[in-house]
Amino acid sequence: MNNEVIILIADDNDGHAELIEKNLIRAGIANPILRFRDGQEIIDFLFQRGEGSKRERGRSYVLLLDIRMPKVNGTEVLKMIKDDPELRKLPVVMVTTTDDPREVEYCHELGCSNYITKPVEYDAFVNAIRQLGLFLLVVQIPPLDGGGANG
């Protein structure tokens, strides 16, 4: 079994996703990174449905999830993950431009691990992602074993 954590980035904004990936690498993160461009893509991957790649049994993942995405928004994705008996173990970090306190509280109520607001200011955003990278270097993440409730 491979215990290397795979980082999943679900963000429809190419610039934000590339910036996150680049700065995780600069922070010393060498983990594999998979990118998803909308909520449906990440749901299909995690719940092992549809076309495209699927998550593997026995692998550990962490999801960096944007809220404002096409097809299925991030809060719906988060709710589906945390309602699933196996997937609820998946750490989900909301990385979004939304700083509405009600949205932050709602995501925490649903079970997100952390909530990071994408700073509009470039240097602050880079610094936030580097700190996230340092966090990922020390956190312990359990592997996901079974299929999703529908998978």
Protein backbone atom coordinates (compact mmCIF):
# COMPACT_ATOMS: atom_id res chain seq x y z
CA MET A 1 0.00 0.00 0.00
CA ASN A 2 1.27 3.44 -0.93
CA ASN A 3 0.84 5.95 1.93
CA GLU A 4 1.83 9.01 -0.11
CA VAL A 5 -0.95 11.58 0.12
CA ILE A 6 -2.39 12.68 -3.21
CA ILE A 7 -3.47 16.32 -3.32
CA LEU A 8 -6.73 16.95 -5.15
CA ILE A 9 -7.40 20.49 -6.37
CA ALA A 10 -10.98 21.26 -7.42
CA ASP A 11 -11.02 24.81 -8.81
CA ASP A 12 -12.50 26.06 -12.08
CA ASN A 13 -10.10 29.04 -12.21
CA ASP A 14 -6.95 27.94 -14.07
CA GLY A 15 -4.89 30.82 -12.67
CA HIS A 16 -5.81 30.04 -9.06
CA ALA A 17 -5.23 26.29 -9.51
CA GLU A 18 -1.81 26.85 -11.12
CA LEU A 19 -0.83 29.30 -8.39
CA ILE A 20 -1.83 26.82 -5.69
CA GLU A 21 0.10 24.01 -7.37
CA LYS A 22 3.21 26.12 -8.00
CA ASN A 23 3.35 27.38 -4.42
CA LEU A 24 2.77 23.96 -2.88
CA ILE A 25 5.81 22.79 -4.86
CA ARG A 26 7.80 25.85 -3.70
CA ALA A 27 6.84 24.95 -0.11
CA GLY A 28 8.54 21.58 -0.58
CA ILE A 29 5.47 19.48 -1.37
CA ALA A 30 6.44 16.74 -3.83
CA ASN A 31 3.17 14.82 -3.56
CA PRO A 32 1.20 13.99 -6.70
CA ILE A 33 -1.40 16.65 -7.52
CA LEU A 34 -4.59 15.98 -9.49
CA ARG A 35 -6.70 18.86 -10.82
CA PHE A 36 -10.47 18.93 -11.33
CA ARG A 37 -12.23 21.80 -13.11
CA ASP A 38 -15.74 21.47 -11.69
CA GLY A 39 -17.71 19.85 -8.90
CA GLN A 40 -18.97 16.99 -11.04
CA GLU A 41 -15.42 15.92 -11.97
CA ILE A 42 -14.34 15.62 -8.33
CA ILE A 43 -17.55 13.79 -7.38
CA ASP A 44 -17.05 11.28 -10.21
CA PHE A 45 -13.44 10.73 -9.10
CA LEU A 46 -14.21 10.29 -5.40
CA PHE A 47 -17.38 8.22 -5.82
CA GLN A 48 -15.76 6.16 -8.62
CA ARG A 49 -18.40 7.01 -11.23
CA GLY A 50 -18.52 7.97 -14.89
CA GLU A 51 -15.60 8.47 -17.23
CA GLY A 52 -12.07 9.49 -16.29
CA SER A 53 -9.78 8.59 -13.43
CA LYS A 54 -11.09 7.20 -10.14
CA ARG A 55 -9.71 7.21 -6.62
CA GLU A 56 -7.81 4.09 -5.61
CA ARG A 57 -8.52 1.94 -2.57
CA GLY A 58 -5.93 2.24 0.17
CA ARG A 59 -4.68 5.66 -0.96
CA SER A 60 -4.70 8.84 1.11
CA TYR A 61 -6.05 12.07 -0.33
CA VAL A 62 -6.56 15.65 0.74
CA LEU A 63 -8.99 17.86 -1.19
CA LEU A 64 -8.48 21.59 -1.77
CA LEU A 65 -11.98 22.64 -2.76
CA ASP A 66 -13.26 25.89 -4.25
CA ILE A 67 -16.85 26.88 -3.45
CA ARG A 68 -17.87 28.70 -6.64
CA MET A 69 -17.62 26.05 -9.37
CA PRO A 70 -19.75 25.02 -12.35
CA LYS A 71 -22.04 21.98 -12.42
CA VAL A 72 -21.88 21.24 -8.65
CA ASN A 73 -20.70 23.90 -6.19
CA GLY A 74 -18.13 23.21 -3.50
CA THR A 75 -20.54 23.19 -0.57
CA GLU A 76 -22.63 20.50 -2.28
CA VAL A 77 -19.46 18.49 -2.96
CA LEU A 78 -18.45 18.89 0.70
CA LYS A 79 -21.90 17.76 1.88
CA MET A 80 -21.80 14.64 -0.34
CA ILE A 81 -18.31 13.74 0.93
CA LYS A 82 -19.18 14.18 4.60
CA ASP A 83 -22.47 12.25 4.22
CA ASP A 84 -20.56 9.19 2.93
CA PRO A 85 -19.39 6.71 5.61
CA GLU A 86 -15.99 6.16 3.96
CA LEU A 87 -15.31 9.51 2.31
CA ARG A 88 -16.07 11.50 5.48
CA LYS A 89 -12.47 10.69 6.56
CA LEU A 90 -11.18 12.74 3.61
CA PRO A 91 -9.71 16.06 4.80
CA VAL A 92 -11.34 18.88 2.84
CA VAL A 93 -9.78 22.33 2.86
CA MET A 94 -12.01 25.03 1.41
CA VAL A 95 -9.82 27.41 -0.64
CA THR A 96 -12.09 30.14 -1.94
CA THR A 97 -12.54 33.86 -2.47
CA THR A 98 -15.73 33.75 -0.38
CA ASP A 99 -15.18 35.22 3.08
CA ASP A 100 -18.84 35.55 4.09
CA PRO A 101 -18.94 34.48 7.77
CA ARG A 102 -22.16 32.50 7.15
CA GLU A 103 -20.47 30.55 4.34
CA VAL A 104 -17.43 29.86 6.54
CA GLU A 105 -19.68 28.65 9.38
CA TYR A 106 -21.78 26.50 7.03
CA CYS A 107 -18.69 24.76 5.60
CA HIS A 108 -17.44 24.03 9.12
CA GLU A 109 -20.88 22.70 10.08
CA LEU A 110 -20.72 20.39 7.06
CA GLY A 111 -17.32 19.14 8.23
CA CYS A 112 -14.57 20.92 6.32
CA SER A 113 -11.12 20.56 7.90
CA ASN A 114 -10.06 24.16 7.26
CA TYR A 115 -11.27 27.23 5.40
CA ILE A 116 -8.76 29.43 3.59
CA THR A 117 -9.87 32.64 1.91
CA LYS A 118 -7.99 33.31 -1.32
CA PRO A 119 -6.50 36.73 -0.69
CA VAL A 120 -6.98 39.10 -3.58
CA GLU A 121 -3.44 40.34 -2.96
CA TYR A 122 -0.95 38.06 -4.72
CA ASP A 123 1.75 37.90 -2.02
CA ALA A 124 -0.80 37.11 0.69
CA PHE A 125 -2.24 34.31 -1.46
CA VAL A 126 1.23 32.86 -2.08
CA ASN A 127 1.99 32.99 1.64
CA ALA A 128 -1.31 31.27 2.54
CA ILE A 129 -0.62 28.42 0.10
CA ARG A 130 2.94 27.98 1.39
CA GLN A 131 1.58 27.71 4.94
CA LEU A 132 -0.92 25.13 3.69
CA GLY A 133 2.03 23.23 2.17
CA LEU A 134 3.83 23.20 5.52
CA PHE A 135 0.65 21.93 7.18
CA LEU A 136 0.41 19.11 4.62
CA LEU A 137 3.99 18.07 5.43
CA VAL A 138 3.11 17.24 9.04
CA VAL A 139 -0.54 16.15 9.04
CA GLN A 140 -1.47 12.45 9.19
CA ILE A 141 -4.18 11.46 6.69
CA PRO A 142 -5.92 8.06 6.76
CA PRO A 143 -6.28 6.01 3.56
CA LEU A 144 -9.72 5.59 1.98
CA ASP A 145 -10.59 1.93 1.65
CA GLY A 146 -14.07 1.19 0.36
CA GLY A 147 -16.02 2.62 -2.52
CA GLY A 148 -18.42 5.50 -1.99
CA ALA A 149 -22.01 4.84 -0.92
CA ASN A 150 -23.00 4.89 -4.58
CA GLY A 151 -19.79 3.42 -5.92
